[in-house]
PDB file of N, CA and C in Angstrom:
ATOM      1  N   MET A   1     -39.473 -29.590  27.421  1.00  0.00           N
ATOM      2  CA  MET A   1     -38.894 -28.915  26.279  1.00  0.00           C
ATOM      3  C   MET A   1     -38.142 -27.689  26.775  1.00  0.00           C
ATOM      4  N   GLN A   2     -36.988 -27.484  26.219  1.00  0.00           N
ATOM      5  CA  GLN A   2     -36.211 -26.305  26.578  1.00  0.00           C
ATOM      6  C   GLN A   2     -36.816 -25.075  25.913  1.00  0.00           C
ATOM      7  N   PRO A   3     -36.644 -23.923  26.515  1.00  0.00           N
ATOM      8  CA  PRO A   3     -37.173 -22.690  25.909  1.00  0.00           C
ATOM      9  C   PRO A   3     -36.575 -22.470  24.519  1.00  0.00           C
ATOM     10  N   ILE A   4     -37.389 -21.917  23.649  1.00  0.00           N
ATOM     11  CA  ILE A   4     -36.934 -21.600  22.297  1.00  0.00           C
ATOM     12  C   ILE A   4     -36.091 -20.339  22.361  1.00  0.00           C
ATOM     13  N   LYS A   5     -34.875 -20.443  21.890  1.00  0.00           N
ATOM     14  CA  LYS A   5     -33.954 -19.304  21.886  1.00  0.00           C
ATOM     15  C   LYS A   5     -33.511 -19.031  20.461  1.00  0.00           C
ATOM     16  N   PHE A   6     -33.426 -17.767  20.124  1.00  0.00           N
ATOM     17  CA  PHE A   6     -32.942 -17.351  18.816  1.00  0.00           C
ATOM     18  C   PHE A   6     -31.665 -16.546  19.005  1.00  0.00           C
ATOM     19  N   ASP A   7     -30.732 -16.705  18.063  1.00  0.00           N
ATOM     20  CA  ASP A   7     -29.517 -15.902  18.164  1.00  0.00           C
ATOM     21  C   ASP A   7     -29.830 -14.466  17.727  1.00  0.00           C
ATOM     22  N   ARG A   8     -28.858 -13.609  17.851  1.00  0.00           N
ATOM     23  CA  ARG A   8     -29.054 -12.172  17.603  1.00  0.00           C
ATOM     24  C   ARG A   8     -29.551 -11.889  16.183  1.00  0.00           C
ATOM     25  N   ASP A   9     -28.952 -12.549  15.187  1.00  0.00           N
ATOM     26  CA  ASP A   9     -29.359 -12.323  13.801  1.00  0.00           C
ATOM     27  C   ASP A   9     -30.773 -12.829  13.537  1.00  0.00           C
ATOM     28  N   GLU A  10     -31.106 -13.988  14.099  1.00  0.00           N
ATOM     29  CA  GLU A  10     -32.465 -14.516  13.944  1.00  0.00           C
ATOM     30  C   GLU A  10     -33.471 -13.578  14.587  1.00  0.00           C
ATOM     31  N   THR A  11     -33.158 -13.098  15.783  1.00  0.00           N
ATOM     32  CA  THR A  11     -34.053 -12.182  16.489  1.00  0.00           C
ATOM     33  C   THR A  11     -34.273 -10.915  15.679  1.00  0.00           C
ATOM     34  N   LYS A  12     -33.191 -10.355  15.134  1.00  0.00           N
ATOM     35  CA  LYS A  12     -33.330  -9.143  14.327  1.00  0.00           C
ATOM     36  C   LYS A  12     -34.219  -9.387  13.109  1.00  0.00           C
ATOM     37  N   ALA A  13     -34.053 -10.529  12.463  1.00  0.00           N
ATOM     38  CA  ALA A  13     -34.859 -10.848  11.286  1.00  0.00           C
ATOM     39  C   ALA A  13     -36.335 -11.023  11.653  1.00  0.00           C
ATOM     40  N   ILE A  14     -36.602 -11.709  12.755  1.00  0.00           N
ATOM     41  CA  ILE A  14     -37.989 -11.923  13.187  1.00  0.00           C
ATOM     42  C   ILE A  14     -38.628 -10.603  13.596  1.00  0.00           C
ATOM     43  N   VAL A  15     -37.906  -9.784  14.327  1.00  0.00           N
ATOM     44  CA  VAL A  15     -38.413  -8.476  14.734  1.00  0.00           C
ATOM     45  C   VAL A  15     -38.753  -7.644  13.496  1.00  0.00           C
ATOM     46  N   ALA A  16     -37.899  -7.671  12.499  1.00  0.00           N
ATOM     47  CA  ALA A  16     -38.162  -6.926  11.256  1.00  0.00           C
ATOM     48  C   ALA A  16     -39.426  -7.444  10.579  1.00  0.00           C
ATOM     49  N   GLU A  17     -39.625  -8.756  10.578  1.00  0.00           N
ATOM     50  CA  GLU A  17     -40.846  -9.335   9.983  1.00  0.00           C
ATOM     51  C   GLU A  17     -42.089  -8.868  10.730  1.00  0.00           C
ATOM     52  N   ILE A  18     -42.017  -8.840  12.051  1.00  0.00           N
ATOM     53  CA  ILE A  18     -43.151  -8.375  12.858  1.00  0.00           C
ATOM     54  C   ILE A  18     -43.432  -6.906  12.560  1.00  0.00           C
ATOM     55  N   GLN A  19     -42.384  -6.108  12.499  1.00  0.00           N
ATOM     56  CA  GLN A  19     -42.568  -4.682  12.201  1.00  0.00           C
ATOM     57  C   GLN A  19     -43.173  -4.493  10.808  1.00  0.00           C
ATOM     58  N   ASP A  20     -42.696  -5.257   9.828  1.00  0.00           N
ATOM     59  CA  ASP A  20     -43.258  -5.185   8.476  1.00  0.00           C
ATOM     60  C   ASP A  20     -44.733  -5.558   8.482  1.00  0.00           C
ATOM     61  N   TYR A  21     -45.078  -6.620   9.211  1.00  0.00           N
ATOM     62  CA  TYR A  21     -46.466  -7.057   9.284  1.00  0.00           C
ATOM     63  C   TYR A  21     -47.355  -5.964   9.868  1.00  0.00           C
ATOM     64  N   PHE A  22     -46.943  -5.381  10.967  1.00  0.00           N
ATOM     65  CA  PHE A  22     -47.728  -4.321  11.590  1.00  0.00           C
ATOM     66  C   PHE A  22     -47.917  -3.146  10.633  1.00  0.00           C
ATOM     67  N   ARG A  23     -46.847  -2.789   9.928  1.00  0.00           N
ATOM     68  CA  ARG A  23     -46.915  -1.650   9.016  1.00  0.00           C
ATOM     69  C   ARG A  23     -47.803  -1.959   7.808  1.00  0.00           C
ATOM     70  N   GLU A  24     -47.608  -3.120   7.186  1.00  0.00           N
ATOM     71  CA  GLU A  24     -48.306  -3.450   5.944  1.00  0.00           C
ATOM     72  C   GLU A  24     -49.738  -3.928   6.154  1.00  0.00           C
ATOM     73  N   GLU A  25     -49.973  -4.721   7.183  1.00  0.00           N
ATOM     74  CA  GLU A  25     -51.292  -5.322   7.371  1.00  0.00           C
ATOM     75  C   GLU A  25     -52.180  -4.539   8.331  1.00  0.00           C
ATOM     76  N   LEU A  26     -51.574  -3.884   9.304  1.00  0.00           N
ATOM     77  CA  LEU A  26     -52.354  -3.193  10.323  1.00  0.00           C
ATOM     78  C   LEU A  26     -52.247  -1.674  10.226  1.00  0.00           C
ATOM     79  N   ASP A  27     -51.411  -1.212   9.308  1.00  0.00           N
ATOM     80  CA  ASP A  27     -51.184   0.216   9.118  1.00  0.00           C
ATOM     81  C   ASP A  27     -50.798   0.893  10.441  1.00  0.00           C
ATOM     82  N   GLN A  28     -49.932   0.201  11.196  1.00  0.00           N
ATOM     83  CA  GLN A  28     -49.441   0.722  12.471  1.00  0.00           C
ATOM     84  C   GLN A  28     -47.942   0.462  12.545  1.00  0.00           C
ATOM     85  N   SER A  29     -47.283   1.239  13.354  1.00  0.00           N
ATOM     86  CA  SER A  29     -45.863   0.981  13.573  1.00  0.00           C
ATOM     87  C   SER A  29     -45.683   0.358  14.946  1.00  0.00           C
ATOM     88  N   ILE A  30     -44.642  -0.432  15.066  1.00  0.00           N
ATOM     89  CA  ILE A  30     -44.311  -1.060  16.343  1.00  0.00           C
ATOM     90  C   ILE A  30     -42.796  -0.975  16.478  1.00  0.00           C
ATOM     91  N   GLY A  31     -42.353  -0.597  17.636  1.00  0.00           N
ATOM     92  CA  GLY A  31     -40.922  -0.468  17.879  1.00  0.00           C
ATOM     93  C   GLY A  31     -40.242  -1.817  17.985  1.00  0.00           C
ATOM     94  N   ALA A  32     -38.925  -1.793  17.954  1.00  0.00           N
ATOM     95  CA  ALA A  32     -38.145  -3.025  18.020  1.00  0.00           C
ATOM     96  C   ALA A  32     -38.360  -3.755  19.349  1.00  0.00           C
ATOM     97  N   MET A  33     -38.386  -3.021  20.442  1.00  0.00           N
ATOM     98  CA  MET A  33     -38.549  -3.655  21.757  1.00  0.00           C
ATOM     99  C   MET A  33     -39.924  -4.330  21.880  1.00  0.00           C
ATOM    100  N   PRO A  34     -41.037  -3.624  21.583  1.00  0.00           N
ATOM    101  CA  PRO A  34     -42.334  -4.311  21.647  1.00  0.00           C
ATOM    102  C   PRO A  34     -42.429  -5.487  20.672  1.00  0.00           C
ATOM    103  N   ALA A  35     -41.819  -5.356  19.491  1.00  0.00           N
ATOM    104  CA  ALA A  35     -41.846  -6.457  18.522  1.00  0.00           C
ATOM    105  C   ALA A  35     -41.089  -7.663  19.066  1.00  0.00           C
ATOM    106  N   GLU A  36     -39.961  -7.418  19.719  1.00  0.00           N
ATOM    107  CA  GLU A  36     -39.194  -8.524  20.304  1.00  0.00           C
ATOM    108  C   GLU A  36     -39.961  -9.155  21.461  1.00  0.00           C
ATOM    109  N   MET A  37     -40.654  -8.338  22.240  1.00  0.00           N
ATOM    110  CA  MET A  37     -41.469  -8.875  23.330  1.00  0.00           C
ATOM    111  C   MET A  37     -42.607  -9.731  22.779  1.00  0.00           C
ATOM    112  N   LEU A  38     -43.216  -9.292  21.680  1.00  0.00           N
ATOM    113  CA  LEU A  38     -44.277 -10.066  21.045  1.00  0.00           C
ATOM    114  C   LEU A  38     -43.725 -11.390  20.526  1.00  0.00           C
ATOM    115  N   MET A  39     -42.543 -11.338  19.905  1.00  0.00           N
ATOM    116  CA  MET A  39     -41.896 -12.550  19.423  1.00  0.00           C
ATOM    117  C   MET A  39     -41.661 -13.516  20.581  1.00  0.00           C
ATOM    118  N   GLN A  40     -41.152 -13.013  21.679  1.00  0.00           N
ATOM    119  CA  GLN A  40     -40.870 -13.868  22.835  1.00  0.00           C
ATOM    120  C   GLN A  40     -42.151 -14.446  23.424  1.00  0.00           C
ATOM    121  N   PHE A  41     -43.218 -13.649  23.435  1.00  0.00           N
ATOM    122  CA  PHE A  41     -44.517 -14.142  23.905  1.00  0.00           C
ATOM    123  C   PHE A  41     -44.962 -15.340  23.072  1.00  0.00           C
ATOM    124  N   PHE A  42     -44.901 -15.187  21.734  1.00  0.00           N
ATOM    125  CA  PHE A  42     -45.307 -16.295  20.869  1.00  0.00           C
ATOM    126  C   PHE A  42     -44.394 -17.502  21.038  1.00  0.00           C
ATOM    127  N   ALA A  43     -43.097 -17.268  21.187  1.00  0.00           N
ATOM    128  CA  ALA A  43     -42.163 -18.376  21.388  1.00  0.00           C
ATOM    129  C   ALA A  43     -42.489 -19.117  22.682  1.00  0.00           C
ATOM    130  N   ASP A  44     -42.750 -18.371  23.749  1.00  0.00           N
ATOM    131  CA  ASP A  44     -43.030 -18.974  25.057  1.00  0.00           C
ATOM    132  C   ASP A  44     -44.379 -19.677  25.101  1.00  0.00           C
ATOM    133  N   LYS A  45     -45.403 -19.024  24.590  1.00  0.00           N
ATOM    134  CA  LYS A  45     -46.767 -19.528  24.740  1.00  0.00           C
ATOM    135  C   LYS A  45     -47.207 -20.475  23.627  1.00  0.00           C
ATOM    136  N   MET A  46     -46.697 -20.292  22.420  1.00  0.00           N
ATOM    137  CA  MET A  46     -47.174 -21.087  21.296  1.00  0.00           C
ATOM    138  C   MET A  46     -46.078 -21.845  20.556  1.00  0.00           C
ATOM    139  N   GLY A  47     -44.854 -21.598  20.939  1.00  0.00           N
ATOM    140  CA  GLY A  47     -43.739 -22.250  20.260  1.00  0.00           C
ATOM    141  C   GLY A  47     -43.838 -23.765  20.271  1.00  0.00           C
ATOM    142  N   ALA A  48     -44.285 -24.331  21.388  1.00  0.00           N
ATOM    143  CA  ALA A  48     -44.393 -25.788  21.497  1.00  0.00           C
ATOM    144  C   ALA A  48     -45.372 -26.352  20.478  1.00  0.00           C
ATOM    145  N   HIS A  49     -46.442 -25.618  20.183  1.00  0.00           N
ATOM    146  CA  HIS A  49     -47.416 -26.089  19.192  1.00  0.00           C
ATOM    147  C   HIS A  49     -46.764 -26.199  17.812  1.00  0.00           C
ATOM    148  N   PHE A  50     -46.013 -25.172  17.431  1.00  0.00           N
ATOM    149  CA  PHE A  50     -45.341 -25.177  16.130  1.00  0.00           C
ATOM    150  C   PHE A  50     -44.236 -26.240  16.104  1.00  0.00           C
ATOM    151  N   TYR A  51     -43.521 -26.366  17.195  1.00  0.00           N
ATOM    152  CA  TYR A  51     -42.453 -27.358  17.300  1.00  0.00           C
ATOM    153  C   TYR A  51     -43.031 -28.770  17.147  1.00  0.00           C
ATOM    154  N   ASN A  52     -44.117 -29.036  17.876  1.00  0.00           N
ATOM    155  CA  ASN A  52     -44.746 -30.354  17.804  1.00  0.00           C
ATOM    156  C   ASN A  52     -45.281 -30.641  16.407  1.00  0.00           C
ATOM    157  N   ARG A  53     -45.846 -29.639  15.753  1.00  0.00           N
ATOM    158  CA  ARG A  53     -46.337 -29.829  14.385  1.00  0.00           C
ATOM    159  C   ARG A  53     -45.174 -30.206  13.473  1.00  0.00           C
ATOM    160  N   GLY A  54     -44.043 -29.551  13.648  1.00  0.00           N
ATOM    161  CA  GLY A  54     -42.859 -29.884  12.856  1.00  0.00           C
ATOM    162  C   GLY A  54     -42.410 -31.320  13.096  1.00  0.00           C
ATOM    163  N   LEU A  55     -42.449 -31.757  14.358  1.00  0.00           N
ATOM    164  CA  LEU A  55     -42.087 -33.138  14.672  1.00  0.00           C
ATOM    165  C   LEU A  55     -43.043 -34.123  14.017  1.00  0.00           C
ATOM    166  N   HIS A  56     -44.339 -33.848  14.084  1.00  0.00           N
ATOM    167  CA  HIS A  56     -45.331 -34.739  13.469  1.00  0.00           C
ATOM    168  C   HIS A  56     -45.138 -34.791  11.954  1.00  0.00           C
ATOM    169  N   ASP A  57     -44.880 -33.649  11.343  1.00  0.00           N
ATOM    170  CA  ASP A  57     -44.638 -33.623   9.903  1.00  0.00           C
ATOM    171  C   ASP A  57     -43.384 -34.415   9.543  1.00  0.00           C
ATOM    172  N   ALA A  58     -42.336 -34.275  10.358  1.00  0.00           N
ATOM    173  CA  ALA A  58     -41.097 -35.015  10.114  1.00  0.00           C
ATOM    174  C   ALA A  58     -41.328 -36.516  10.268  1.00  0.00           C
ATOM    175  N   GLN A  59     -42.080 -36.909  11.286  1.00  0.00           N
ATOM    176  CA  GLN A  59     -42.383 -38.331  11.479  1.00  0.00           C
ATOM    177  C   GLN A  59     -43.166 -38.894  10.297  1.00  0.00           C
ATOM    178  N   ALA A  60     -44.133 -38.146   9.801  1.00  0.00           N
ATOM    179  CA  ALA A  60     -44.922 -38.605   8.657  1.00  0.00           C
ATOM    180  C   ALA A  60     -44.038 -38.762   7.429  1.00  0.00           C
ATOM    181  N   LEU A  61     -43.143 -37.830   7.210  1.00  0.00           N
ATOM    182  CA  LEU A  61     -42.237 -37.912   6.070  1.00  0.00           C
ATOM    183  C   LEU A  61     -41.313 -39.118   6.190  1.00  0.00           C
ATOM    184  N   ILE A  62     -40.770 -39.348   7.373  1.00  0.00           N
ATOM    185  CA  ILE A  62     -39.882 -40.490   7.578  1.00  0.00           C
ATOM    186  C   ILE A  62     -40.642 -41.800   7.385  1.00  0.00           C
ATOM    187  N   ARG A  63     -41.875 -41.883   7.914  1.00  0.00           N
ATOM    188  CA  ARG A  63     -42.690 -43.085   7.724  1.00  0.00           C
ATOM    189  C   ARG A  63     -42.910 -43.362   6.237  1.00  0.00           C
ATOM    190  N   LYS A  64     -43.227 -42.313   5.487  1.00  0.00           N
ATOM    191  CA  LYS A  64     -43.467 -42.462   4.054  1.00  0.00           C
ATOM    192  C   LYS A  64     -42.199 -42.939   3.348  1.00  0.00           C
ATOM    193  N   LYS A  65     -41.062 -42.332   3.682  1.00  0.00           N
ATOM    194  CA  LYS A  65     -39.789 -42.727   3.063  1.00  0.00           C
ATOM    195  C   LYS A  65     -39.445 -44.171   3.418  1.00  0.00           C
ATOM    196  N   LEU A  66     -39.659 -44.572   4.684  1.00  0.00           N
ATOM    197  CA  LEU A  66     -39.372 -45.949   5.082  1.00  0.00           C
ATOM    198  C   LEU A  66     -40.278 -46.937   4.366  1.00  0.00           C
ATOM    199  N   ASP A  67     -41.541 -46.569   4.168  1.00  0.00           N
ATOM    200  CA  ASP A  67     -42.451 -47.430   3.409  1.00  0.00           C
ATOM    201  C   ASP A  67     -41.949 -47.603   1.978  1.00  0.00           C
ATOM    202  N   ASN A  68     -41.482 -46.512   1.376  1.00  0.00           N
ATOM    203  CA  ASN A  68     -40.957 -46.588   0.012  1.00  0.00           C
ATOM    204  C   ASN A  68     -39.719 -47.477  -0.047  1.00  0.00           C
ATOM    205  N   VAL A  69     -38.820 -47.333   0.917  1.00  0.00           N
ATOM    206  CA  VAL A  69     -37.611 -48.160   0.956  1.00  0.00           C
ATOM    207  C   VAL A  69     -38.003 -49.623   1.140  1.00  0.00           C
ATOM    208  N   SER A  70     -38.949 -49.875   2.030  1.00  0.00           N
ATOM    209  CA  SER A  70     -39.404 -51.239   2.271  1.00  0.00           C
ATOM    210  C   SER A  70     -39.974 -51.840   0.991  1.00  0.00           C
ATOM    211  N   ASP A  71     -40.772 -51.068   0.261  1.00  0.00           N
ATOM    212  CA  ASP A  71     -41.332 -51.551  -1.003  1.00  0.00           C
ATOM    213  C   ASP A  71     -40.228 -51.840  -2.018  1.00  0.00           C
ATOM    214  N   GLU A  72     -39.231 -50.976  -2.077  1.00  0.00           N
ATOM    215  CA  GLU A  72     -38.134 -51.176  -3.016  1.00  0.00           C
ATOM    216  C   GLU A  72     -37.314 -52.415  -2.660  1.00  0.00           C
ATOM    217  N   ILE A  73     -37.105 -52.645  -1.371  1.00  0.00           N
ATOM    218  CA  ILE A  73     -36.381 -53.848  -0.936  1.00  0.00           C
ATOM    219  C   ILE A  73     -37.186 -55.091  -1.295  1.00  0.00           C
ATOM    220  N   PHE A  74     -38.483 -55.054  -1.040  1.00  0.00           N
ATOM    221  CA  PHE A  74     -39.348 -56.185  -1.373  1.00  0.00           C
ATOM    222  C   PHE A  74     -39.291 -56.470  -2.874  1.00  0.00           C
ATOM    223  N   ALA A  75     -39.228 -55.423  -3.689  1.00  0.00           N
ATOM    224  CA  ALA A  75     -39.175 -55.596  -5.153  1.00  0.00           C
ATOM    225  C   ALA A  75     -37.886 -56.266  -5.599  1.00  0.00           C
ATOM    226  N   LEU A  76     -36.850 -56.252  -4.776  1.00  0.00           N
ATOM    227  CA  LEU A  76     -35.576 -56.884  -5.121  1.00  0.00           C
ATOM    228  C   LEU A  76     -35.580 -58.398  -4.900  1.00  0.00           C
ATOM    229  N   GLU A  77     -36.571 -58.896  -4.184  1.00  0.00           N
ATOM    230  CA  GLU A  77     -36.611 -60.331  -3.902  1.00  0.00           C
ATOM    231  C   GLU A  77     -36.636 -61.128  -5.195  1.00  0.00           C
ATOM    232  N   GLN A  78     -35.915 -62.213  -5.171  1.00  0.00           N
ATOM    233  CA  GLN A  78     -35.849 -63.121  -6.313  1.00  0.00           C
ATOM    234  C   GLN A  78     -36.839 -64.260  -6.090  1.00  0.00           C
ATOM    235  N   PRO A  79     -37.434 -64.750  -7.161  1.00  0.00           N
ATOM    236  CA  PRO A  79     -38.389 -65.858  -6.998  1.00  0.00           C
ATOM    237  C   PRO A  79     -37.675 -67.132  -6.514  1.00  0.00           C
ATOM    238  N   THR A  80     -38.319 -67.837  -5.614  1.00  0.00           N
ATOM    239  CA  THR A  80     -37.827 -69.120  -5.125  1.00  0.00           C
ATOM    240  C   THR A  80     -39.002 -70.082  -5.025  1.00  0.00           C
ATOM    241  N   ARG A  81     -38.704 -71.315  -4.698  1.00  0.00           N
ATOM    242  CA  ARG A  81     -39.789 -72.298  -4.522  1.00  0.00           C
ATOM    243  C   ARG A  81     -40.514 -72.090  -3.186  1.00  0.00           C
ATOM    244  N   TYR A  82     -39.840 -71.408  -2.294  1.00  0.00           N
ATOM    245  CA  TYR A  82     -40.413 -71.140  -0.978  1.00  0.00           C
ATOM    246  C   TYR A  82     -41.505 -70.087  -1.107  1.00  0.00           C
ATOM    247  N   VAL A  83     -42.685 -70.411  -0.617  1.00  0.00           N
ATOM    248  CA  VAL A  83     -43.810 -69.479  -0.664  1.00  0.00           C
ATOM    249  C   VAL A  83     -44.142 -69.047   0.755  1.00  0.00           C
ATOM    250  N   ARG A  84     -44.308 -67.789   0.953  1.00  0.00           N
ATOM    251  CA  ARG A  84     -44.646 -67.278   2.290  1.00  0.00           C
ATOM    252  C   ARG A  84     -46.095 -67.438   2.592  1.00  0.00           C
TER     253      ARG A  84
END
């Protein structure tokens, strides 16, 4: 897997979320640089877990949709003398 990279705007938004979390939940302040380092730590060390979960969720959704399509196609069959 390639390293997770965020563009400048995404990084700024994530850093702001981390700073908000520290301020609101921990009653502490954290600078932009430490917040960005924390973000990068999570991306490097745990990003693959979140990425894989997203892939598994996407696969489950696609499987469900394909099952629905398959059922709908089966419902279109016309009766014939041929029995399966």
